[in-house]
Amino acid sequence: AERGRRRQSVKLPWAGTFHAIGARLLREYAPRLGLEP
């Protein structure tokens, strides 16, 4: 806003606890890891 740009929603989609991020990555890579997605 200070720079005169339109306000926009800036998100950090990969912010979380070690355990939460770990669960997310394991689900995403599950087929390649021998895990049930």
Full PDB file with SEQRES, HELIX, SHEET, SSBOND, CRYST1, ORIGX, SCALE, CONECT and MASTER records, all heavy atoms in Angstrom:
SEQRES   1 A   37  ALA GLU ARG GLY ARG ARG ARG GLN SER VAL LYS LEU PRO          
SEQRES   2 A   37  TRP ALA GLY THR PHE HIS ALA ILE GLY ALA ARG LEU LEU          
SEQRES   3 A   37  ARG GLU TYR ALA PRO ARG LEU GLY LEU GLU PRO                  
HELIX    1 AA1 PHE A   18  LEU A   33  1                                  16    
CRYST1    1.000    1.000    1.000  90.00  90.00  90.00 P 1           1          
ORIGX1      1.000000  0.000000  0.000000        0.00000                         
ORIGX2      0.000000  1.000000  0.000000        0.00000                         
ORIGX3      0.000000  0.000000  1.000000        0.00000                         
SCALE1      1.000000  0.000000  0.000000        0.00000                         
SCALE2      0.000000  1.000000  0.000000        0.00000                         
SCALE3      0.000000  0.000000  1.000000        0.00000                         
ATOM      1  N   ALA A   1       0.839  -1.204   0.000  1.00  0.00           N  
ATOM      2  CA  ALA A   1       0.000   0.000   0.000  1.00  0.00           C  
ATOM      3  C   ALA A   1       0.870   1.247   0.000  1.00  0.00           C  
ATOM      4  O   ALA A   1       0.555   2.243  -0.671  1.00  0.00           O  
ATOM      5  CB  ALA A   1      -0.929  -0.020   1.211  1.00  0.00           C  
ATOM      6  N   GLU A   2       1.972   1.213   0.761  1.00  0.00           N  
ATOM      7  CA  GLU A   2       2.889   2.344   0.829  1.00  0.00           C  
ATOM      8  C   GLU A   2       3.506   2.627  -0.546  1.00  0.00           C  
ATOM      9  O   GLU A   2       3.785   3.771  -0.895  1.00  0.00           O  
ATOM     10  CB  GLU A   2       3.986   2.040   1.852  1.00  0.00           C  
ATOM     11  CG  GLU A   2       4.994   3.156   2.060  1.00  0.00           C  
ATOM     12  CD  GLU A   2       4.415   4.337   2.813  1.00  0.00           C  
ATOM     13  OE1 GLU A   2       3.387   4.163   3.506  1.00  0.00           O  
ATOM     14  OE2 GLU A   2       5.001   5.433   2.705  1.00  0.00           O  
ATOM     15  N   ARG A   3       3.693   1.565  -1.328  1.00  0.00           N  
ATOM     16  CA  ARG A   3       4.281   1.731  -2.659  1.00  0.00           C  
ATOM     17  C   ARG A   3       3.237   2.070  -3.707  1.00  0.00           C  
ATOM     18  O   ARG A   3       3.544   2.155  -4.895  1.00  0.00           O  
ATOM     19  CB  ARG A   3       4.999   0.445  -3.061  1.00  0.00           C  
ATOM     20  CG  ARG A   3       6.164   0.072  -2.149  1.00  0.00           C  
ATOM     21  CD  ARG A   3       6.756  -1.275  -2.528  1.00  0.00           C  
ATOM     22  NE  ARG A   3       7.800  -1.701  -1.598  1.00  0.00           N  
ATOM     23  CZ  ARG A   3       8.471  -2.835  -1.696  1.00  0.00           C  
ATOM     24  NH1 ARG A   3       8.202  -3.660  -2.708  1.00  0.00           N  
ATOM     25  NH2 ARG A   3       9.395  -3.156  -0.804  1.00  0.00           N  
ATOM     26  N   GLY A   4       2.001   2.222  -3.274  1.00  0.00           N  
ATOM     27  CA  GLY A   4       0.948   2.594  -4.200  1.00  0.00           C  
ATOM     28  C   GLY A   4       0.402   1.448  -5.014  1.00  0.00           C  
ATOM     29  O   GLY A   4      -0.316   1.658  -5.999  1.00  0.00           O  
ATOM     30  N   ARG A   5       0.721   0.231  -4.591  1.00  0.00           N  
ATOM     31  CA  ARG A   5       0.212  -0.928  -5.322  1.00  0.00           C  
ATOM     32  C   ARG A   5      -1.067  -1.427  -4.683  1.00  0.00           C  
ATOM     33  O   ARG A   5      -1.300  -1.261  -3.488  1.00  0.00           O  
ATOM     34  CB  ARG A   5       1.256  -2.048  -5.319  1.00  0.00           C  
ATOM     35  CG  ARG A   5       2.507  -1.685  -6.108  1.00  0.00           C  
ATOM     36  CD  ARG A   5       3.609  -2.697  -5.916  1.00  0.00           C  
ATOM     37  NE  ARG A   5       3.203  -4.053  -6.248  1.00  0.00           N  
ATOM     38  CZ  ARG A   5       3.993  -5.112  -6.127  1.00  0.00           C  
ATOM     39  NH1 ARG A   5       5.233  -4.950  -5.689  1.00  0.00           N  
ATOM     40  NH2 ARG A   5       3.553  -6.322  -6.444  1.00  0.00           N  
ATOM     41  N   ARG A   6      -1.905  -2.033  -5.489  1.00  0.00           N  
ATOM     42  CA  ARG A   6      -3.172  -2.542  -4.989  1.00  0.00           C  
ATOM     43  C   ARG A   6      -2.908  -3.628  -3.954  1.00  0.00           C  
ATOM     44  O   ARG A   6      -2.077  -4.496  -4.136  1.00  0.00           O  
ATOM     45  CB  ARG A   6      -3.993  -3.109  -6.158  1.00  0.00           C  
ATOM     46  CG  ARG A   6      -5.369  -3.621  -5.747  1.00  0.00           C  
ATOM     47  CD  ARG A   6      -6.191  -3.904  -6.994  1.00  0.00           C  
ATOM     48  NE  ARG A   6      -5.539  -4.902  -7.840  1.00  0.00           N  
ATOM     49  CZ  ARG A   6      -5.693  -6.214  -7.669  1.00  0.00           C  
ATOM     50  NH1 ARG A   6      -6.450  -6.675  -6.701  1.00  0.00           N  
ATOM     51  NH2 ARG A   6      -5.086  -7.064  -8.486  1.00  0.00           N  
ATOM     52  N   ARG A   7      -3.663  -3.552  -2.871  1.00  0.00           N  
ATOM     53  CA  ARG A   7      -3.514  -4.560  -1.818  1.00  0.00           C  
ATOM     54  C   ARG A   7      -3.858  -5.942  -2.363  1.00  0.00           C  
ATOM     55  O   ARG A   7      -4.811  -6.103  -3.114  1.00  0.00           O  
ATOM     56  CB  ARG A   7      -4.426  -4.236  -0.629  1.00  0.00           C  
ATOM     57  CG  ARG A   7      -4.025  -2.951   0.098  1.00  0.00           C  
ATOM     58  CD  ARG A   7      -5.087  -2.584   1.130  1.00  0.00           C  
ATOM     59  NE  ARG A   7      -5.158  -3.560   2.198  1.00  0.00           N  
ATOM     60  CZ  ARG A   7      -4.418  -3.547   3.305  1.00  0.00           C  
ATOM     61  NH1 ARG A   7      -3.542  -2.576   3.464  1.00  0.00           N  
ATOM     62  NH2 ARG A   7      -4.569  -4.455   4.232  1.00  0.00           N  
ATOM     63  N   GLN A   8      -3.060  -6.888  -1.997  1.00  0.00           N  
ATOM     64  CA  GLN A   8      -3.321  -8.245  -2.442  1.00  0.00           C  
ATOM     65  C   GLN A   8      -3.032  -9.214  -1.301  1.00  0.00           C  
ATOM     66  O   GLN A   8      -2.286  -8.893  -0.376  1.00  0.00           O  
ATOM     67  CB  GLN A   8      -2.452  -8.598  -3.643  1.00  0.00           C  
ATOM     68  CG  GLN A   8      -0.948  -8.501  -3.374  1.00  0.00           C  
ATOM     69  CD  GLN A   8      -0.133  -8.690  -4.636  1.00  0.00           C  
ATOM     70  OE1 GLN A   8      -0.570  -8.342  -5.717  1.00  0.00           O  
ATOM     71  NE2 GLN A   8       1.056  -9.260  -4.485  1.00  0.00           N  
ATOM     72  N   SER A   9      -3.657 -10.337  -1.352  1.00  0.00           N  
ATOM     73  CA  SER A   9      -3.488 -11.316  -0.284  1.00  0.00           C  
ATOM     74  C   SER A   9      -2.192 -12.076  -0.510  1.00  0.00           C  
ATOM     75  O   SER A   9      -2.076 -12.852  -1.466  1.00  0.00           O  
ATOM     76  CB  SER A   9      -4.681 -12.277  -0.257  1.00  0.00           C  
ATOM     77  OG  SER A   9      -4.504 -13.242   0.744  1.00  0.00           O  
ATOM     78  N   VAL A  10      -1.205 -11.844   0.338  1.00  0.00           N  
ATOM     79  CA  VAL A  10       0.072 -12.536   0.257  1.00  0.00           C  
ATOM     80  C   VAL A  10       0.038 -13.699   1.235  1.00  0.00           C  
ATOM     81  O   VAL A  10      -0.119 -13.509   2.435  1.00  0.00           O  
ATOM     82  CB  VAL A  10       1.238 -11.588   0.595  1.00  0.00           C  
ATOM     83  CG1 VAL A  10       2.556 -12.343   0.576  1.00  0.00           C  
ATOM     84  CG2 VAL A  10       1.264 -10.421  -0.371  1.00  0.00           C  
ATOM     85  N   LYS A  11       0.161 -14.906   0.738  1.00  0.00           N  
ATOM     86  CA  LYS A  11       0.071 -16.088   1.580  1.00  0.00           C  
ATOM     87  C   LYS A  11       1.386 -16.859   1.572  1.00  0.00           C  
ATOM     88  O   LYS A  11       2.145 -16.810   0.610  1.00  0.00           O  
ATOM     89  CB  LYS A  11      -1.068 -16.991   1.109  1.00  0.00           C  
ATOM     90  CG  LYS A  11      -2.442 -16.345   1.211  1.00  0.00           C  
ATOM     91  CD  LYS A  11      -3.530 -17.315   0.763  1.00  0.00           C  
ATOM     92  CE  LYS A  11      -4.903 -16.672   0.915  1.00  0.00           C  
ATOM     93  NZ  LYS A  11      -5.991 -17.587   0.482  1.00  0.00           N  
ATOM     94  N   LEU A  12       1.619 -17.555   2.688  1.00  0.00           N  
ATOM     95  CA  LEU A  12       2.756 -18.470   2.790  1.00  0.00           C  
ATOM     96  C   LEU A  12       2.171 -19.873   2.911  1.00  0.00           C  
ATOM     97  O   LEU A  12       1.922 -20.368   4.011  1.00  0.00           O  
ATOM     98  CB  LEU A  12       3.609 -18.136   4.021  1.00  0.00           C  
ATOM     99  CG  LEU A  12       4.298 -16.768   4.022  1.00  0.00           C  
ATOM    100  CD1 LEU A  12       4.970 -16.518   5.363  1.00  0.00           C  
ATOM    101  CD2 LEU A  12       5.323 -16.684   2.897  1.00  0.00           C  
ATOM    102  N   PRO A  13       1.944 -20.530   1.774  1.00  0.00           N  
ATOM    103  CA  PRO A  13       1.234 -21.815   1.808  1.00  0.00           C  
ATOM    104  C   PRO A  13       2.003 -22.933   2.486  1.00  0.00           C  
ATOM    105  O   PRO A  13       1.411 -23.932   2.892  1.00  0.00           O  
ATOM    106  CB  PRO A  13       1.002 -22.119   0.323  1.00  0.00           C  
ATOM    107  CG  PRO A  13       2.066 -21.369  -0.397  1.00  0.00           C  
ATOM    108  CD  PRO A  13       2.301 -20.125   0.397  1.00  0.00           C  
ATOM    109  N   TRP A  14       3.322 -22.787   2.618  1.00  0.00           N  
ATOM    110  CA  TRP A  14       4.127 -23.838   3.234  1.00  0.00           C  
ATOM    111  C   TRP A  14       4.624 -23.396   4.608  1.00  0.00           C  
ATOM    112  O   TRP A  14       5.817 -23.490   4.920  1.00  0.00           O  
ATOM    113  CB  TRP A  14       5.292 -24.218   2.335  1.00  0.00           C  
ATOM    114  CG  TRP A  14       4.864 -25.027   1.150  1.00  0.00           C  
ATOM    115  CD1 TRP A  14       4.564 -24.571  -0.094  1.00  0.00           C  
ATOM    116  CD2 TRP A  14       4.650 -26.446   1.126  1.00  0.00           C  
ATOM    117  NE1 TRP A  14       4.189 -25.607  -0.911  1.00  0.00           N  
ATOM    118  CE2 TRP A  14       4.231 -26.776  -0.187  1.00  0.00           C  
ATOM    119  CE3 TRP A  14       4.773 -27.466   2.060  1.00  0.00           C  
ATOM    120  CZ2 TRP A  14       3.933 -28.081  -0.572  1.00  0.00           C  
ATOM    121  CZ3 TRP A  14       4.485 -28.766   1.680  1.00  0.00           C  
ATOM    122  CH2 TRP A  14       4.068 -29.066   0.384  1.00  0.00           C  
ATOM    123  N   ALA A  15       3.720 -22.925   5.435  1.00  0.00           N  
ATOM    124  CA  ALA A  15       4.037 -22.555   6.816  1.00  0.00           C  
ATOM    125  C   ALA A  15       3.294 -23.506   7.748  1.00  0.00           C  
ATOM    126  O   ALA A  15       2.085 -23.702   7.608  1.00  0.00           O  
ATOM    127  CB  ALA A  15       3.626 -21.110   7.095  1.00  0.00           C  
ATOM    128  N   GLY A  16       4.002 -24.115   8.677  1.00  0.00           N  
ATOM    129  CA  GLY A  16       3.354 -25.039   9.602  1.00  0.00           C  
ATOM    130  C   GLY A  16       4.370 -25.730  10.492  1.00  0.00           C  
ATOM    131  O   GLY A  16       5.576 -25.480  10.416  1.00  0.00           O  
ATOM    132  N   THR A  17       3.876 -26.624  11.327  1.00  0.00           N  
ATOM    133  CA  THR A  17       4.768 -27.390  12.195  1.00  0.00           C  
ATOM    134  C   THR A  17       5.528 -28.436  11.384  1.00  0.00           C  
ATOM    135  O   THR A  17       5.128 -28.796  10.274  1.00  0.00           O  
ATOM    136  CB  THR A  17       3.976 -28.100  13.301  1.00  0.00           C  
ATOM    137  OG1 THR A  17       3.117 -29.078  12.702  1.00  0.00           O  
ATOM    138  CG2 THR A  17       3.136 -27.114  14.104  1.00  0.00           C  
ATOM    139  N   PHE A  18       6.609 -28.928  11.948  1.00  0.00           N  
ATOM    140  CA  PHE A  18       7.360 -30.007  11.304  1.00  0.00           C  
ATOM    141  C   PHE A  18       6.429 -31.173  10.975  1.00  0.00           C  
ATOM    142  O   PHE A  18       6.493 -31.748   9.885  1.00  0.00           O  
ATOM    143  CB  PHE A  18       8.478 -30.496  12.230  1.00  0.00           C  
ATOM    144  CG  PHE A  18       9.764 -29.725  12.124  1.00  0.00           C  
ATOM    145  CD1 PHE A  18      10.008 -28.638  12.945  1.00  0.00           C  
ATOM    146  CD2 PHE A  18      10.736 -30.095  11.211  1.00  0.00           C  
ATOM    147  CE1 PHE A  18      11.203 -27.934  12.871  1.00  0.00           C  
ATOM    148  CE2 PHE A  18      11.941 -29.405  11.118  1.00  0.00           C  
ATOM    149  CZ  PHE A  18      12.174 -28.315  11.947  1.00  0.00           C  
ATOM    150  N   HIS A  19       5.570 -31.523  11.914  1.00  0.00           N  
ATOM    151  CA  HIS A  19       4.699 -32.681  11.718  1.00  0.00           C  
ATOM    152  C   HIS A  19       3.657 -32.425  10.634  1.00  0.00           C  
ATOM    153  O   HIS A  19       3.374 -33.306   9.809  1.00  0.00           O  
ATOM    154  CB  HIS A  19       4.013 -33.056  13.032  1.00  0.00           C  
ATOM    155  CG  HIS A  19       4.953 -33.572  14.075  1.00  0.00           C  
ATOM    156  ND1 HIS A  19       5.640 -32.739  14.935  1.00  0.00           N  
ATOM    157  CD2 HIS A  19       5.337 -34.838  14.391  1.00  0.00           C  
ATOM    158  CE1 HIS A  19       6.405 -33.474  15.728  1.00  0.00           C  
ATOM    159  NE2 HIS A  19       6.244 -34.747  15.422  1.00  0.00           N  
ATOM    160  N   ALA A  20       3.096 -31.220  10.610  1.00  0.00           N  
ATOM    161  CA  ALA A  20       2.079 -30.904   9.609  1.00  0.00           C  
ATOM    162  C   ALA A  20       2.672 -30.883   8.204  1.00  0.00           C  
ATOM    163  O   ALA A  20       2.081 -31.412   7.252  1.00  0.00           O  
ATOM    164  CB  ALA A  20       1.418 -29.565   9.933  1.00  0.00           C  
ATOM    165  N   ILE A  21       3.832 -30.264   8.061  1.00  0.00           N  
ATOM    166  CA  ILE A  21       4.485 -30.222   6.747  1.00  0.00           C  
ATOM    167  C   ILE A  21       4.916 -31.617   6.329  1.00  0.00           C  
ATOM    168  O   ILE A  21       4.789 -32.018   5.160  1.00  0.00           O  
ATOM    169  CB  ILE A  21       5.690 -29.263   6.769  1.00  0.00           C  
ATOM    170  CG1 ILE A  21       5.236 -27.832   7.077  1.00  0.00           C  
ATOM    171  CG2 ILE A  21       6.430 -29.309   5.440  1.00  0.00           C  
ATOM    172  CD1 ILE A  21       4.288 -27.227   6.061  1.00  0.00           C  
ATOM    173  N   GLY A  22       5.403 -32.403   7.281  1.00  0.00           N  
ATOM    174  CA  GLY A  22       5.792 -33.774   6.971  1.00  0.00           C  
ATOM    175  C   GLY A  22       4.619 -34.589   6.460  1.00  0.00           C  
ATOM    176  O   GLY A  22       4.738 -35.331   5.473  1.00  0.00           O  
ATOM    177  N   ALA A  23       3.463 -34.468   7.128  1.00  0.00           N  
ATOM    178  CA  ALA A  23       2.272 -35.203   6.691  1.00  0.00           C  
ATOM    179  C   ALA A  23       1.867 -34.787   5.285  1.00  0.00           C  
ATOM    180  O   ALA A  23       1.496 -35.628   4.453  1.00  0.00           O  
ATOM    181  CB  ALA A  23       1.124 -34.952   7.671  1.00  0.00           C  
ATOM    182  N   ARG A  24       1.961 -33.503   5.002  1.00  0.00           N  
ATOM    183  CA  ARG A  24       1.559 -32.999   3.676  1.00  0.00           C  
ATOM    184  C   ARG A  24       2.472 -33.541   2.580  1.00  0.00           C  
ATOM    185  O   ARG A  24       1.999 -33.986   1.518  1.00  0.00           O  
ATOM    186  CB  ARG A  24       1.595 -31.468   3.702  1.00  0.00           C  
ATOM    187  CG  ARG A  24       1.139 -30.803   2.423  1.00  0.00           C  
ATOM    188  CD  ARG A  24       1.093 -29.311   2.617  1.00  0.00           C  
ATOM    189  NE  ARG A  24       0.901 -28.605   1.350  1.00  0.00           N  
ATOM    190  CZ  ARG A  24       0.912 -27.287   1.226  1.00  0.00           C  
ATOM    191  NH1 ARG A  24       1.095 -26.523   2.299  1.00  0.00           N  
ATOM    192  NH2 ARG A  24       0.743 -26.722   0.042  1.00  0.00           N  
ATOM    193  N   LEU A  25       3.768 -33.534   2.821  1.00  0.00           N  
ATOM    194  CA  LEU A  25       4.705 -34.038   1.816  1.00  0.00           C  
ATOM    195  C   LEU A  25       4.567 -35.546   1.637  1.00  0.00           C  
ATOM    196  O   LEU A  25       4.631 -36.063   0.511  1.00  0.00           O  
ATOM    197  CB  LEU A  25       6.138 -33.684   2.224  1.00  0.00           C  
ATOM    198  CG  LEU A  25       6.553 -32.217   2.058  1.00  0.00           C  
ATOM    199  CD1 LEU A  25       7.895 -31.957   2.723  1.00  0.00           C  
ATOM    200  CD2 LEU A  25       6.595 -31.828   0.577  1.00  0.00           C  
ATOM    201  N   LEU A  26       4.370 -36.268   2.722  1.00  0.00           N  
ATOM    202  CA  LEU A  26       4.224 -37.721   2.621  1.00  0.00           C  
ATOM    203  C   LEU A  26       2.979 -38.107   1.834  1.00  0.00           C  
ATOM    204  O   LEU A  26       3.000 -39.069   1.060  1.00  0.00           O  
ATOM    205  CB  LEU A  26       4.181 -38.340   4.018  1.00  0.00           C  
ATOM    206  CG  LEU A  26       5.504 -38.307   4.805  1.00  0.00           C  
ATOM    207  CD1 LEU A  26       5.296 -38.801   6.229  1.00  0.00           C  
ATOM    208  CD2 LEU A  26       6.590 -39.124   4.105  1.00  0.00           C  
ATOM    209  N   ARG A  27       1.906 -37.361   1.996  1.00  0.00           N  
ATOM    210  CA  ARG A  27       0.696 -37.650   1.215  1.00  0.00           C  
ATOM    211  C   ARG A  27       0.936 -37.362  -0.268  1.00  0.00           C  
ATOM    212  O   ARG A  27       0.527 -38.125  -1.136  1.00  0.00           O  
ATOM    213  CB  ARG A  27      -0.470 -36.797   1.718  1.00  0.00           C  
ATOM    214  CG  ARG A  27      -1.018 -37.237   3.061  1.00  0.00           C  
ATOM    215  CD  ARG A  27      -2.414 -36.684   3.290  1.00  0.00           C  
ATOM    216  NE  ARG A  27      -2.835 -36.860   4.676  1.00  0.00           N  
ATOM    217  CZ  ARG A  27      -3.300 -37.995   5.169  1.00  0.00           C  
ATOM    218  NH1 ARG A  27      -3.377 -39.072   4.400  1.00  0.00           N  
ATOM    219  NH2 ARG A  27      -3.673 -38.066   6.440  1.00  0.00           N  
ATOM    220  N   GLU A  28       1.637 -36.275  -0.530  1.00  0.00           N  
ATOM    221  CA  GLU A  28       1.881 -35.896  -1.919  1.00  0.00           C  
ATOM    222  C   GLU A  28       2.779 -36.907  -2.631  1.00  0.00           C  
ATOM    223  O   GLU A  28       2.569 -37.220  -3.805  1.00  0.00           O  
ATOM    224  CB  GLU A  28       2.515 -34.498  -1.961  1.00  0.00           C  
ATOM    225  CG  GLU A  28       2.681 -33.943  -3.351  1.00  0.00           C  
ATOM    226  CD  GLU A  28       3.176 -32.505  -3.342  1.00  0.00           C  
ATOM    227  OE1 GLU A  28       2.926 -31.793  -2.342  1.00  0.00           O  
ATOM    228  OE2 GLU A  28       3.819 -32.098  -4.340  1.00  0.00           O  
ATOM    229  N   TYR A  29       3.763 -37.423  -1.916  1.00  0.00           N  
ATOM    230  CA  TYR A  29       4.721 -38.358  -2.524  1.00  0.00           C  
ATOM    231  C   TYR A  29       4.381 -39.815  -2.225  1.00  0.00           C  
ATOM    232  O   TYR A  29       5.157 -40.715  -2.577  1.00  0.00           O  
ATOM    233  CB  TYR A  29       6.136 -38.044  -2.025  1.00  0.00           C  
ATOM    234  CG  TYR A  29       6.753 -36.821  -2.656  1.00  0.00           C  
ATOM    235  CD1 TYR A  29       6.475 -35.546  -2.173  1.00  0.00           C  
ATOM    236  CD2 TYR A  29       7.598 -36.932  -3.766  1.00  0.00           C  
ATOM    237  CE1 TYR A  29       7.029 -34.416  -2.749  1.00  0.00           C  
ATOM    238  CE2 TYR A  29       8.171 -35.812  -4.345  1.00  0.00           C  
ATOM    239  CZ  TYR A  29       7.874 -34.555  -3.834  1.00  0.00           C  
ATOM    240  OH  TYR A  29       8.424 -33.436  -4.421  1.00  0.00           O  
ATOM    241  N   ALA A  30       3.256 -40.067  -1.590  1.00  0.00           N  
ATOM    242  CA  ALA A  30       2.897 -41.418  -1.147  1.00  0.00           C  
ATOM    243  C   ALA A  30       3.036 -42.480  -2.227  1.00  0.00           C  
ATOM    244  O   ALA A  30       3.599 -43.564  -1.970  1.00  0.00           O  
ATOM    245  CB  ALA A  30       1.485 -41.425  -0.566  1.00  0.00           C  
ATOM    246  N   PRO A  31       2.532 -42.249  -3.464  1.00  0.00           N  
ATOM    247  CA  PRO A  31       2.633 -43.301  -4.494  1.00  0.00           C  
ATOM    248  C   PRO A  31       4.069 -43.717  -4.793  1.00  0.00           C  
ATOM    249  O   PRO A  31       4.321 -44.850  -5.205  1.00  0.00           O  
ATOM    250  CB  PRO A  31       1.971 -42.662  -5.717  1.00  0.00           C  
ATOM    251  CG  PRO A  31       1.044 -41.631  -5.150  1.00  0.00           C  
ATOM    252  CD  PRO A  31       1.765 -41.080  -3.962  1.00  0.00           C  
ATOM    253  N   ARG A  32       5.008 -42.815  -4.576  1.00  0.00           N  
ATOM    254  CA  ARG A  32       6.406 -43.120  -4.853  1.00  0.00           C  
ATOM    255  C   ARG A  32       7.137 -43.657  -3.625  1.00  0.00           C  
ATOM    256  O   ARG A  32       8.325 -43.993  -3.701  1.00  0.00           O  
ATOM    257  CB  ARG A  32       7.116 -41.868  -5.377  1.00  0.00           C  
ATOM    258  CG  ARG A  32       6.504 -41.351  -6.681  1.00  0.00           C  
ATOM    259  CD  ARG A  32       6.971 -39.939  -7.019  1.00  0.00           C  
ATOM    260  NE  ARG A  32       8.426 -39.860  -7.175  1.00  0.00           N  
ATOM    261  CZ  ARG A  32       9.073 -38.716  -7.396  1.00  0.00           C  
ATOM    262  NH1 ARG A  32       8.387 -37.573  -7.494  1.00  0.00           N  
ATOM    263  NH2 ARG A  32      10.384 -38.711  -7.514  1.00  0.00           N  
ATOM    264  N   LEU A  33       6.436 -43.703  -2.501  1.00  0.00           N  
ATOM    265  CA  LEU A  33       7.066 -44.121  -1.252  1.00  0.00           C  
ATOM    266  C   LEU A  33       6.503 -45.431  -0.714  1.00  0.00           C  
ATOM    267  O   LEU A  33       6.874 -45.865   0.380  1.00  0.00           O  
ATOM    268  CB  LEU A  33       6.897 -43.031  -0.182  1.00  0.00           C  
ATOM    269  CG  LEU A  33       7.409 -41.631  -0.543  1.00  0.00           C  
ATOM    270  CD1 LEU A  33       7.067 -40.646   0.557  1.00  0.00           C  
ATOM    271  CD2 LEU A  33       8.916 -41.660  -0.796  1.00  0.00           C  
ATOM    272  N   GLY A  34       5.592 -46.027  -1.479  1.00  0.00           N  
ATOM    273  CA  GLY A  34       4.980 -47.254  -1.000  1.00  0.00           C  
ATOM    274  C   GLY A  34       3.962 -47.031   0.097  1.00  0.00           C  
ATOM    275  O   GLY A  34       3.650 -47.960   0.856  1.00  0.00           O  
ATOM    276  N   LEU A  35       3.441 -45.804   0.202  1.00  0.00           N  
ATOM    277  CA  LEU A  35       2.434 -45.479   1.207  1.00  0.00           C  
ATOM    278  C   LEU A  35       1.064 -45.358   0.557  1.00  0.00           C  
ATOM    279  O   LEU A  35       0.950 -44.978  -0.611  1.00  0.00           O  
ATOM    280  CB  LEU A  35       2.764 -44.149   1.906  1.00  0.00           C  
ATOM    281  CG  LEU A  35       4.012 -44.087   2.781  1.00  0.00           C  
ATOM    282  CD1 LEU A  35       4.211 -42.661   3.288  1.00  0.00           C  
ATOM    283  CD2 LEU A  35       3.909 -45.048   3.952  1.00  0.00           C  
ATOM    284  N   GLU A  36       0.027 -45.632   1.340  1.00  0.00           N  
ATOM    285  CA  GLU A  36      -1.329 -45.350   0.892  1.00  0.00           C  
ATOM    286  C   GLU A  36      -1.539 -43.834   0.963  1.00  0.00           C  
ATOM    287  O   GLU A  36      -1.343 -43.240   2.025  1.00  0.00           O  
ATOM    288  CB  GLU A  36      -2.346 -46.045   1.803  1.00  0.00           C  
ATOM    289  CG  GLU A  36      -2.344 -47.551   1.707  1.00  0.00           C  
ATOM    290  CD  GLU A  36      -3.121 -48.048   0.500  1.00  0.00           C  
ATOM    291  OE1 GLU A  36      -3.801 -47.227  -0.144  1.00  0.00           O  
ATOM    292  OE2 GLU A  36      -3.031 -49.250   0.201  1.00  0.00           O  
ATOM    293  N   PRO A  37      -1.942 -43.186  -0.128  1.00  0.00           N  
ATOM    294  CA  PRO A  37      -2.139 -41.728  -0.069  1.00  0.00           C  
ATOM    295  C   PRO A  37      -3.145 -41.298   0.987  1.00  0.00           C  
ATOM    296  O   PRO A  37      -3.038 -40.211   1.548  1.00  0.00           O  
ATOM    297  CB  PRO A  37      -2.638 -41.387  -1.481  1.00  0.00           C  
ATOM    298  CG  PRO A  37      -2.112 -42.497  -2.341  1.00  0.00           C  
ATOM    299  CD  PRO A  37      -2.155 -43.723  -1.478  1.00  0.00           C  
TER     300      PRO A  37                                                      
MASTER        0    0    0    1    0    0    0    6  299    1    0    3          
END                                                                             
